[in-house]
């Protein structure tokens, strides 16, 4: 029965292939969290959350977002040229970044110590924070390379390989984390796991199909110019979006310290599981389908509206479970020290429900080249999240209230964004 349905619907078929691998990868990750949360301290996860946020922001700048354009050219040679552009830009960016960090690392470490952002009894070796700062360019380049391969495989509809790469990444990262954690590496063990996961999955994709480095490559200057709307328009939009997403990590670390950020980190990790498990797969396939439908002159408005309703209903039950039972579930799975995280996760459940619906289809704006709309949305989200953080810290002086304000502002924003997304698709049909 399932096979018949999948054969009739190409989108569902491709999503199912990606979801299979992503579910396995996420199950590995979630199960390992049960172990890792007891091996590493809450502050270790807080420090690593900050590192990941910094990498997430800088990776947007590093490649100029050219990797998003790999899917678009009709000829493979031009896609190869864009792949090359993405990596060369990232390499140059990270060399410059490393030089800057060489001269600023001592100052950054002094700020962390003076403002007591990390509790000395929670982190085994504070000096190692300095070495982690030096490793930021490694994470940025590794992520750029992995993302570029992902879009190349999306272009060729090689979803099975992408699915397997996610399993390899999760197994490599979590297995390494457990090993380094047992050896007492502290948060550096989490860093090594992240990098090894990215390297192993990227190596798998490279060995699976090396033709990207063979044959004709399109004119670099021509493609650099043709797709310059990605660095000029998509980059500012993506930067504002990632800042809004990662902003809480920066401010929570600065305002309340690594331990509170560690409590917040597990909330985002658990509630992001549906997005990374299903939403990311839907998003990649949705991007390709919508791009193809537009090129073939098909209408997309009705499809996007129905898809939004289905995605909302799909995620409603899991989020209701978090809302009503989150406190007890977090304490049971991750330990008593995370009971408060479970309680606060209930407030974030609606936010992540509507965020899942939007994220799964947000590539629509890239497909229809309406990047300006996405930029304005991201700017609104950034401003409201910043307001929630500042009001929570300076007016209420309480991280619990700050978290509630973040959840409320986020839910309101993404409900509005879904409405705009549907309206945009309907206008394309008109």
Protein backbone atom coordinates (compact mmCIF):
# COMPACT_ATOMS: atom_id res chain seq x y z
CA UNK A 1 0.00 0.00 0.00
CA UNK A 2 2.74 2.45 1.02
CA UNK A 3 4.78 1.53 -2.04
CA UNK A 4 1.81 2.33 -4.32
CA UNK A 5 1.31 5.76 -2.72
CA UNK A 6 5.01 6.59 -2.98
CA UNK A 7 5.18 5.52 -6.63
CA UNK A 8 2.30 7.86 -7.49
CA UNK A 9 3.74 10.88 -5.68
CA UNK A 10 7.35 11.75 -6.51
CA UNK A 11 7.62 14.33 -3.74
CA UNK A 12 6.48 11.86 -1.06
CA UNK A 13 8.80 9.23 -2.48
CA UNK A 14 11.87 11.44 -2.22
CA UNK A 15 10.86 12.79 1.18
CA UNK A 16 10.38 9.23 2.46
CA UNK A 17 13.89 8.26 1.31
CA UNK A 18 15.43 11.26 3.06
CA UNK A 19 13.30 10.85 6.16
CA UNK A 20 14.35 7.22 6.57
CA UNK A 21 18.00 8.19 6.97
CA UNK A 22 17.22 11.28 8.99
CA UNK A 23 15.04 9.35 11.44
CA UNK A 24 17.82 6.81 12.01
CA UNK A 25 20.32 9.66 12.46
CA UNK A 26 18.03 11.47 14.90
CA UNK A 27 17.27 8.30 16.87
CA UNK A 28 21.03 7.77 17.28
CA UNK A 29 21.39 11.39 18.38
CA UNK A 30 18.50 11.34 20.84
CA UNK A 31 19.53 8.01 22.39
CA UNK A 32 23.10 9.24 22.77
CA UNK A 33 21.87 12.39 24.49
CA UNK A 34 20.62 10.13 27.28
CA UNK A 35 24.24 9.11 27.82
CA UNK A 36 26.06 12.32 26.89
CA UNK A 37 23.97 14.52 29.19
CA UNK A 38 25.29 12.44 32.08
CA UNK A 39 28.90 12.35 30.85
CA UNK A 40 29.32 16.07 30.13
CA UNK A 41 28.35 18.91 32.44
CA UNK A 42 25.51 21.34 31.66
CA UNK A 43 28.13 24.06 31.14
CA UNK A 44 30.04 21.90 28.64
CA UNK A 45 26.92 21.82 26.50
CA UNK A 46 26.50 25.56 27.05
CA UNK A 47 30.01 26.30 25.74
CA UNK A 48 29.46 24.01 22.75
CA UNK A 49 26.09 25.61 22.01
CA UNK A 50 27.83 28.98 21.81
CA UNK A 51 30.51 27.55 19.49
CA UNK A 52 27.86 26.04 17.21
CA UNK A 53 25.98 29.35 17.12
CA UNK A 54 29.11 31.25 16.10
CA UNK A 55 29.85 28.71 13.35
CA UNK A 56 26.23 28.82 12.18
CA UNK A 57 26.38 32.60 11.77
CA UNK A 58 29.80 32.71 10.09
CA UNK A 59 29.05 29.92 7.60
CA UNK A 60 26.42 32.21 6.04
CA UNK A 61 29.11 34.84 5.39
CA UNK A 62 31.86 32.44 4.36
CA UNK A 63 30.44 31.23 1.04
CA UNK A 64 28.21 34.14 0.11
CA UNK A 65 25.37 31.59 0.05
CA UNK A 66 26.43 30.51 -3.43
CA UNK A 67 25.88 26.87 -2.44
CA UNK A 68 22.11 27.49 -2.61
CA UNK A 69 22.49 28.19 -6.35
CA UNK A 70 24.04 24.78 -7.09
CA UNK A 71 20.54 23.36 -7.67
CA UNK A 72 19.50 25.96 -10.26
CA UNK A 73 21.69 25.75 -13.45
CA UNK A 74 20.46 23.53 -16.28
CA UNK A 75 23.98 22.35 -17.11
CA UNK A 76 26.18 20.46 -14.67
CA UNK A 77 29.27 22.42 -15.68
CA UNK A 78 27.76 25.62 -14.31
CA UNK A 79 26.71 23.87 -11.11
CA UNK A 80 30.33 22.71 -10.72
CA UNK A 81 31.51 26.28 -11.16
CA UNK A 82 29.20 27.44 -8.37
CA UNK A 83 30.41 24.58 -6.16
CA UNK A 84 33.98 25.77 -6.76
CA UNK A 85 33.05 29.40 -6.04
CA UNK A 86 31.44 28.40 -2.74
CA UNK A 87 34.54 26.56 -1.50
CA UNK A 88 37.08 29.18 -2.64
CA UNK A 89 35.14 31.98 -0.96
CA UNK A 90 34.89 29.97 2.25
CA UNK A 91 38.60 29.12 2.23
CA UNK A 92 39.62 32.76 1.82
CA UNK A 93 37.15 33.86 4.51
CA UNK A 94 38.39 31.32 7.06
CA UNK A 95 42.07 32.10 6.52
CA UNK A 96 41.30 35.75 7.24
CA UNK A 97 39.14 34.77 10.21
CA UNK A 98 41.95 32.69 11.74
CA UNK A 99 44.36 35.65 11.52
CA UNK A 100 41.81 37.89 13.27
CA UNK A 101 41.25 35.34 16.05
CA UNK A 102 45.00 35.04 16.66
CA UNK A 103 45.03 38.66 17.75
CA UNK A 104 41.70 38.76 19.62
CA UNK A 105 41.49 35.41 21.46
CA UNK A 106 43.11 36.71 24.69
CA UNK A 107 40.71 39.63 24.84
CA UNK A 108 37.68 37.37 24.28
CA UNK A 109 38.83 34.98 27.02
CA UNK A 110 39.32 37.89 29.45
CA UNK A 111 35.76 39.10 28.81
CA UNK A 112 34.38 35.59 29.51
CA UNK A 113 36.33 35.34 32.78
CA UNK A 114 35.58 38.90 34.00
CA UNK A 115 31.84 38.54 33.46
CA UNK A 116 31.80 35.02 34.98
CA UNK A 117 30.06 33.56 31.92
CA UNK A 118 31.60 30.16 32.70
CA UNK A 119 31.67 28.67 36.19
CA UNK A 120 35.18 27.44 36.91
CA UNK A 121 33.95 24.41 38.84
CA UNK A 122 31.85 23.33 35.84
CA UNK A 123 34.53 23.53 33.10
CA UNK A 124 37.70 21.50 33.69
CA UNK A 125 40.17 23.64 31.73
CA UNK A 126 39.27 27.28 31.04
CA UNK A 127 42.39 27.83 28.91
CA UNK A 128 41.03 25.28 26.42
CA UNK A 129 38.28 27.81 25.63
CA UNK A 130 41.02 29.83 23.91
CA UNK A 131 41.94 26.86 21.71
CA UNK A 132 38.28 26.36 20.89
CA UNK A 133 38.19 29.97 19.66
CA UNK A 134 41.06 29.15 17.26
CA UNK A 135 39.02 26.20 15.97
CA UNK A 136 36.08 28.31 14.80
CA UNK A 137 37.39 28.50 11.17
CA UNK A 138 37.66 24.69 11.09
CA UNK A 139 33.98 24.34 11.92
CA UNK A 140 32.95 27.03 9.41
CA UNK A 141 34.85 25.48 6.49
CA UNK A 142 33.74 21.92 7.34
CA UNK A 143 30.12 23.07 7.39
CA UNK A 144 30.45 24.92 4.08
CA UNK A 145 31.92 21.85 2.40
CA UNK A 146 29.18 19.60 3.79
CA UNK A 147 26.42 22.01 2.72
CA UNK A 148 27.82 22.32 -0.80
CA UNK A 149 27.84 18.55 -1.27
CA UNK A 150 24.28 18.39 0.07
CA UNK A 151 23.02 20.81 -2.58
CA UNK A 152 24.95 18.98 -5.30
CA UNK A 153 23.23 15.73 -4.36
CA UNK A 154 19.87 17.52 -4.12
CA UNK A 155 20.44 18.76 -7.68
CA UNK A 156 20.93 15.22 -8.98
CA UNK A 157 18.06 13.86 -6.81
CA UNK A 158 20.49 11.43 -5.14
CA UNK A 159 18.38 11.35 -2.00
CA UNK A 160 19.43 7.85 -0.97
CA UNK A 161 23.06 8.96 -0.70
CA UNK A 162 22.03 12.06 1.28
CA UNK A 163 20.01 9.85 3.59
CA UNK A 164 22.97 7.55 4.25
CA UNK A 165 25.30 10.51 4.79
CA UNK A 166 23.11 11.75 7.64
CA UNK A 167 23.30 8.39 9.36
CA UNK A 168 27.10 8.41 8.98
CA UNK A 169 27.31 11.96 10.33
CA UNK A 170 25.20 11.17 13.39
CA UNK A 171 27.02 7.93 14.15
CA UNK A 172 30.43 9.57 13.69
CA UNK A 173 29.57 12.60 15.81
CA UNK A 174 27.82 10.84 18.68
CA UNK A 175 30.24 7.92 18.78
CA UNK A 176 33.18 10.33 18.97
CA UNK A 177 31.43 12.41 21.63
CA UNK A 178 30.94 9.35 23.81
CA UNK A 179 34.57 8.27 23.41
CA UNK A 180 36.03 11.70 24.11
CA UNK A 181 33.60 12.26 26.96
CA UNK A 182 34.64 9.02 28.62
CA UNK A 183 38.26 10.11 28.22
CA UNK A 184 37.48 13.34 30.10
CA UNK A 185 37.94 15.84 27.27
CA UNK A 186 35.14 18.12 28.49
CA UNK A 187 33.51 20.38 25.91
CA UNK A 188 36.45 19.78 23.53
CA UNK A 189 35.14 16.23 23.22
CA UNK A 190 31.88 17.69 21.88
CA UNK A 191 33.87 19.78 19.39
CA UNK A 192 35.87 16.79 18.12
CA UNK A 193 32.63 14.86 17.67
CA UNK A 194 31.05 17.66 15.62
CA UNK A 195 34.03 17.93 13.26
CA UNK A 196 34.50 14.16 12.85
CA UNK A 197 30.80 13.78 12.04
CA UNK A 198 31.00 16.42 9.30
CA UNK A 199 34.26 15.04 7.88
CA UNK A 200 33.10 11.42 7.69
CA UNK A 201 29.76 12.27 6.04
CA UNK A 202 31.40 14.65 3.56
CA UNK A 203 34.03 12.06 2.69
CA UNK A 204 31.25 9.54 2.08
CA UNK A 205 29.49 11.92 -0.35
CA UNK A 206 32.77 12.67 -2.13
CA UNK A 207 33.70 9.01 -2.59
CA UNK A 208 30.15 8.16 -3.68
CA UNK A 209 30.32 10.50 -6.65
CA UNK A 210 33.62 12.12 -7.64
CA UNK A 211 32.41 13.42 -11.02
CA UNK A 212 31.89 16.85 -9.52
CA UNK A 213 35.66 17.27 -9.79
CA UNK A 214 35.84 15.81 -13.31
CA UNK A 215 34.78 17.07 -16.73
CA UNK A 216 34.01 20.60 -17.88
CA UNK A 217 33.56 23.42 -15.40
CA UNK A 218 31.59 26.50 -16.40
CA UNK A 219 32.98 29.99 -16.50
CA UNK A 220 33.60 31.08 -12.91
CA UNK A 221 33.24 34.82 -13.53
CA UNK A 222 30.06 34.36 -15.53
CA UNK A 223 28.39 32.26 -12.81
CA UNK A 224 29.70 34.54 -10.08
CA UNK A 225 27.87 37.41 -11.76
CA UNK A 226 24.76 35.48 -12.86
CA UNK A 227 23.95 34.31 -9.35
CA UNK A 228 25.15 37.38 -7.47
CA UNK A 229 21.65 37.88 -6.06
CA UNK A 230 22.51 35.16 -3.53
CA UNK A 231 25.34 37.12 -1.83
CA UNK A 232 23.59 40.45 -2.45
CA UNK A 233 20.06 39.47 -1.35
CA UNK A 234 20.00 35.96 0.09
CA UNK A 235 23.09 36.52 2.27
CA UNK A 236 21.66 39.50 4.21
CA UNK A 237 18.39 37.62 4.59
CA UNK A 238 20.12 34.40 5.69
CA UNK A 239 22.38 36.33 8.07
CA UNK A 240 19.44 38.08 9.71
CA UNK A 241 17.61 34.74 9.94
CA UNK A 242 20.52 32.86 11.53
CA UNK A 243 21.17 35.78 13.89
CA UNK A 244 17.55 35.68 15.01
CA UNK A 245 17.79 31.92 15.47
CA UNK A 246 21.12 31.97 17.30
CA UNK A 247 20.69 35.30 19.07
CA UNK A 248 19.24 33.71 22.23
CA UNK A 249 22.41 31.61 22.63
CA UNK A 250 24.67 34.68 22.51
CA UNK A 251 22.57 36.73 24.91
CA UNK A 252 21.77 33.89 27.31
CA UNK A 253 25.49 33.09 27.52
CA UNK A 254 26.31 36.78 28.10
CA UNK A 255 23.44 37.49 30.51
CA UNK A 256 23.06 34.25 32.47
CA UNK A 257 26.20 32.18 31.73
CA UNK A 258 27.08 28.79 30.23
CA UNK A 259 25.00 26.71 32.66
CA UNK A 260 21.69 28.40 31.80
CA UNK A 261 22.60 28.19 28.11
CA UNK A 262 23.13 24.45 28.64
CA UNK A 263 19.56 24.19 29.99
CA UNK A 264 18.27 26.13 26.99
CA UNK A 265 20.35 24.02 24.61
CA UNK A 266 18.52 20.78 25.44
CA UNK A 267 15.16 22.51 24.84
CA UNK A 268 16.17 23.56 21.33
CA UNK A 269 17.78 20.18 20.61
CA UNK A 270 14.65 18.22 21.52
CA UNK A 271 12.14 20.58 19.87
CA UNK A 272 14.30 20.85 16.75
CA UNK A 273 14.19 17.06 16.27
CA UNK A 274 11.06 17.24 14.03
CA UNK A 275 12.67 19.99 11.93
CA UNK A 276 15.94 18.10 11.47
CA UNK A 277 14.24 14.71 11.23
CA UNK A 278 11.45 15.57 8.81
CA UNK A 279 11.41 19.30 8.05
CA UNK A 280 14.89 19.41 6.52
CA UNK A 281 14.10 16.49 4.22
CA UNK A 282 10.77 18.00 3.18
CA UNK A 283 12.47 21.35 2.60
CA UNK A 284 15.11 19.94 0.25
CA UNK A 285 12.65 17.96 -1.84
CA UNK A 286 10.08 20.80 -1.72
CA UNK A 287 12.71 23.17 -3.12
CA UNK A 288 13.39 20.92 -6.10
CA UNK A 289 9.68 20.24 -6.78
CA UNK A 290 8.62 23.88 -6.60
CA UNK A 291 11.56 24.91 -8.83
CA UNK A 292 10.54 22.28 -11.41
CA UNK A 293 6.83 23.19 -11.22
CA UNK A 294 7.58 26.87 -11.81
CA UNK A 295 9.80 26.08 -14.80
CA UNK A 296 6.99 23.91 -16.24
CA UNK A 297 4.38 26.63 -15.67
CA UNK A 298 2.37 24.68 -13.08
CA UNK A 299 0.34 26.39 -10.33
CA UNK A 300 1.73 26.06 -6.81
CA UNK A 301 -0.66 28.07 -4.57
CA UNK A 302 -3.11 25.28 -3.77
CA UNK A 303 -0.33 22.79 -3.18
CA UNK A 304 1.49 25.06 -0.69
CA UNK A 305 -1.73 25.73 1.27
CA UNK A 306 -2.62 22.02 1.54
CA UNK A 307 0.96 21.18 2.45
CA UNK A 308 0.89 23.72 5.31
CA UNK A 309 -2.25 22.17 6.83
CA UNK A 310 -0.85 18.65 6.56
CA UNK A 311 2.45 19.62 8.16
CA UNK A 312 0.61 21.37 11.03
CA UNK A 313 -1.56 18.32 11.76
CA UNK A 314 1.45 16.01 11.47
CA UNK A 315 3.33 17.85 14.21
CA UNK A 316 0.40 18.73 16.50
CA UNK A 317 0.37 15.56 18.66
CA UNK A 318 4.12 15.47 19.50
CA UNK A 319 4.04 19.13 20.54
CA UNK A 320 0.96 18.59 22.71
CA UNK A 321 2.84 15.81 24.51
CA UNK A 322 5.73 18.20 25.19
CA UNK A 323 3.29 20.87 26.38
CA UNK A 324 1.58 18.65 28.95
CA UNK A 325 4.34 16.22 30.00
CA UNK A 326 7.63 17.93 29.09
CA UNK A 327 8.80 18.49 32.68
CA UNK A 328 8.55 14.82 33.66
CA UNK A 329 9.88 13.52 30.34
CA UNK A 330 13.02 15.68 30.44
CA UNK A 331 13.76 14.75 34.06
CA UNK A 332 13.32 11.04 33.32
CA UNK A 333 15.34 10.95 30.08
CA UNK A 334 18.15 13.43 30.77
CA UNK A 335 18.35 13.59 34.56
CA UNK A 336 16.82 15.65 37.33
CA UNK A 337 19.04 18.65 36.53
CA UNK A 338 17.05 19.09 33.29
CA UNK A 339 13.57 19.13 34.89
CA UNK A 340 13.34 22.91 34.52
CA UNK A 341 14.26 22.57 30.83
CA UNK A 342 11.28 20.26 30.35
CA UNK A 343 8.94 22.71 32.03
CA UNK A 344 10.14 25.55 29.81
CA UNK A 345 9.95 23.36 26.70
CA UNK A 346 6.16 23.39 27.13
CA UNK A 347 6.14 27.14 26.51
CA UNK A 348 8.18 26.67 23.32
CA UNK A 349 5.98 23.89 21.88
CA UNK A 350 3.64 26.15 19.87
CA UNK A 351 6.59 28.19 18.62
CA UNK A 352 8.34 25.09 17.27
CA UNK A 353 5.11 23.68 15.85
CA UNK A 354 4.52 26.65 13.53
CA UNK A 355 8.24 26.98 12.92
CA UNK A 356 8.29 23.40 11.61
CA UNK A 357 5.48 24.19 9.14
CA UNK A 358 7.26 27.29 7.87
CA UNK A 359 10.77 25.81 7.76
CA UNK A 360 9.62 22.83 5.71
CA UNK A 361 8.49 25.18 2.92
CA UNK A 362 10.63 28.28 3.36
CA UNK A 363 12.77 27.37 0.32
CA UNK A 364 9.81 28.63 -1.73
CA UNK A 365 11.27 32.14 -1.55
CA UNK A 366 14.57 30.99 -3.09
CA UNK A 367 12.75 29.01 -5.78
CA UNK A 368 10.63 32.02 -6.85
CA UNK A 369 13.54 34.44 -6.31
CA UNK A 370 11.50 36.51 -3.82
CA UNK A 371 14.39 36.77 -1.42
CA UNK A 372 13.41 40.29 -0.33
CA UNK A 373 10.28 38.96 1.41
CA UNK A 374 12.31 36.48 3.42
CA UNK A 375 14.72 39.24 4.43
CA UNK A 376 11.93 41.42 5.81
CA UNK A 377 10.47 38.48 7.72
CA UNK A 378 13.82 37.60 9.23
CA UNK A 379 14.36 41.20 10.26
CA UNK A 380 11.00 41.28 12.05
CA UNK A 381 11.84 38.03 13.85
CA UNK A 382 15.29 39.34 14.85
CA UNK A 383 13.87 42.57 16.30
CA UNK A 384 11.15 40.78 18.30
CA UNK A 385 13.56 38.14 19.65
CA UNK A 386 16.01 40.86 20.65
CA UNK A 387 13.22 42.80 22.38
CA UNK A 388 12.17 39.66 24.28
CA UNK A 389 15.74 39.07 25.46
CA UNK A 390 16.33 42.65 26.59
CA UNK A 391 12.96 42.99 28.33
CA UNK A 392 13.40 39.64 30.06
CA UNK A 393 16.88 40.49 31.33
CA UNK A 394 16.70 44.19 32.15
CA UNK A 395 13.05 44.51 33.23
CA UNK A 396 12.24 41.11 34.78
CA UNK A 397 15.87 40.11 35.57
CA UNK A 398 14.86 36.48 35.24
CA UNK A 399 15.83 33.83 32.70
CA UNK A 400 12.54 31.90 33.06
CA UNK A 401 10.49 34.96 32.06
CA UNK A 402 13.01 35.66 29.29
CA UNK A 403 12.43 32.17 27.87
CA UNK A 404 8.64 32.66 27.99
CA UNK A 405 8.93 35.95 26.09
CA UNK A 406 11.16 34.31 23.47
CA UNK A 407 8.61 31.52 22.95
CA UNK A 408 5.62 33.89 22.65
CA UNK A 409 7.29 36.30 20.21
CA UNK A 410 8.56 33.39 18.10
CA UNK A 411 5.12 31.77 17.80
CA UNK A 412 3.46 35.03 16.74
CA UNK A 413 6.14 35.68 14.12
CA UNK A 414 5.99 32.27 12.47
CA UNK A 415 2.19 32.21 12.31
CA UNK A 416 2.39 35.45 10.34
CA UNK A 417 5.21 34.08 8.15
CA UNK A 418 3.16 31.03 7.15
CA UNK A 419 0.36 33.34 6.02
CA UNK A 420 2.82 35.37 3.90
CA UNK A 421 4.30 32.19 2.42
CA UNK A 422 0.88 30.94 1.26
CA UNK A 423 -0.02 34.37 -0.15
CA UNK A 424 3.27 34.51 -2.06
CA UNK A 425 2.60 31.15 -3.70
CA UNK A 426 -0.93 32.24 -4.67
CA UNK A 427 0.38 35.46 -6.23
CA UNK A 428 2.81 33.47 -8.39
CA UNK A 429 -0.21 31.64 -9.88
CA UNK A 430 -2.07 34.87 -10.65
